[in-house]
């Protein structure tokens, strides 16, 4: 997760954790689908708010630009199919 000193971002992430805990509690209690849909919609809304915040907050944007992207190494590609890959 992005490490930042932005208090608004920290508040948003705390709200996200609370909503996730509430959702997990509802799942454990076998709550109704209506309740689960409502909490899932709240989670989607807070995720959108976090994404919007990270795009517009000067502190979060500056921090994101300083962070190096993950280096992804491609997986090796087999030049020929293995014998068990070919249908008999």
Protein backbone atom coordinates (compact mmCIF):
# COMPACT_ATOMS: atom_id res chain seq x y z
CA UNK A 1 0.00 0.00 0.00
CA UNK A 2 1.08 3.56 -0.59
CA UNK A 3 2.82 5.03 2.46
CA UNK A 4 1.82 8.66 2.86
CA UNK A 5 1.51 11.33 5.51
CA UNK A 6 -1.78 12.56 4.04
CA UNK A 7 -4.31 12.49 6.88
CA UNK A 8 -7.29 12.39 4.55
CA UNK A 9 -5.87 9.30 2.83
CA UNK A 10 -5.29 7.64 6.19
CA UNK A 11 -8.89 8.39 7.18
CA UNK A 12 -10.16 6.91 3.92
CA UNK A 13 -8.13 3.73 4.38
CA UNK A 14 -9.38 3.40 7.97
CA UNK A 15 -12.95 3.72 6.69
CA UNK A 16 -12.18 1.06 4.07
CA UNK A 17 -10.89 -1.34 6.75
CA UNK A 18 -14.00 -0.72 8.86
CA UNK A 19 -16.29 -1.44 5.90
CA UNK A 20 -14.36 -4.61 5.09
CA UNK A 21 -14.69 -5.77 8.69
CA UNK A 22 -18.42 -5.05 8.59
CA UNK A 23 -18.75 -7.03 5.36
CA UNK A 24 -16.85 -9.97 6.82
CA UNK A 25 -19.08 -9.91 9.90
CA UNK A 26 -22.19 -9.95 7.70
CA UNK A 27 -20.81 -12.91 5.77
CA UNK A 28 -20.07 -14.83 8.97
CA UNK A 29 -23.59 -14.16 10.26
CA UNK A 30 -25.19 -15.31 6.99
CA UNK A 31 -26.95 -11.97 6.63
CA UNK A 32 -29.45 -11.26 3.90
CA UNK A 33 -28.38 -10.51 0.35
CA UNK A 34 -29.82 -7.01 0.68
CA UNK A 35 -27.45 -6.20 3.56
CA UNK A 36 -24.47 -7.68 1.72
CA UNK A 37 -25.26 -5.73 -1.44
CA UNK A 38 -25.50 -2.52 0.56
CA UNK A 39 -22.11 -2.99 2.21
CA UNK A 40 -20.54 -4.04 -1.10
CA UNK A 41 -21.82 -0.83 -2.69
CA UNK A 42 -20.32 1.16 0.18
CA UNK A 43 -17.00 -0.60 -0.42
CA UNK A 44 -17.10 0.23 -4.12
CA UNK A 45 -17.89 3.87 -3.31
CA UNK A 46 -14.99 4.17 -0.87
CA UNK A 47 -12.62 2.52 -3.37
CA UNK A 48 -13.64 5.12 -5.97
CA UNK A 49 -13.15 7.90 -3.44
CA UNK A 50 -9.67 6.60 -2.59
CA UNK A 51 -8.75 6.37 -6.29
CA UNK A 52 -10.02 9.92 -6.90
CA UNK A 53 -8.11 11.19 -3.89
CA UNK A 54 -4.87 9.57 -5.00
CA UNK A 55 -5.20 11.25 -8.42
CA UNK A 56 -5.97 14.72 -7.11
CA UNK A 57 -4.15 15.12 -3.77
CA UNK A 58 -0.80 16.88 -4.33
CA UNK A 59 0.90 14.93 -1.54
CA UNK A 60 -0.31 11.53 -2.74
CA UNK A 61 0.46 12.29 -6.40
CA UNK A 62 3.99 13.43 -5.55
CA UNK A 63 4.56 10.31 -3.45
CA UNK A 64 3.26 8.05 -6.22
CA UNK A 65 5.61 9.66 -8.76
CA UNK A 66 8.62 9.02 -6.50
CA UNK A 67 7.73 5.35 -6.08
CA UNK A 68 9.43 3.03 -8.56
CA UNK A 69 7.11 0.80 -10.57
CA UNK A 70 7.33 -2.91 -9.95
CA UNK A 71 9.64 -4.69 -12.32
CA UNK A 72 7.82 -7.54 -13.93
CA UNK A 73 9.84 -10.27 -15.57
CA UNK A 74 8.12 -12.15 -18.35
CA UNK A 75 7.52 -15.82 -17.84
CA UNK A 76 9.53 -18.16 -20.03
CA UNK A 77 7.76 -19.30 -23.17
CA UNK A 78 7.96 -22.91 -24.26
CA UNK A 79 9.20 -23.11 -27.84
CA UNK A 80 7.36 -26.38 -28.53
CA UNK A 81 4.38 -28.06 -26.92
CA UNK A 82 5.15 -30.74 -24.40
CA UNK A 83 4.01 -34.23 -25.41
CA UNK A 84 1.13 -34.32 -22.91
CA UNK A 85 -0.19 -31.00 -24.28
CA UNK A 86 -0.98 -32.64 -27.61
CA UNK A 87 -4.34 -34.38 -27.68
CA UNK A 88 -4.10 -37.99 -28.77
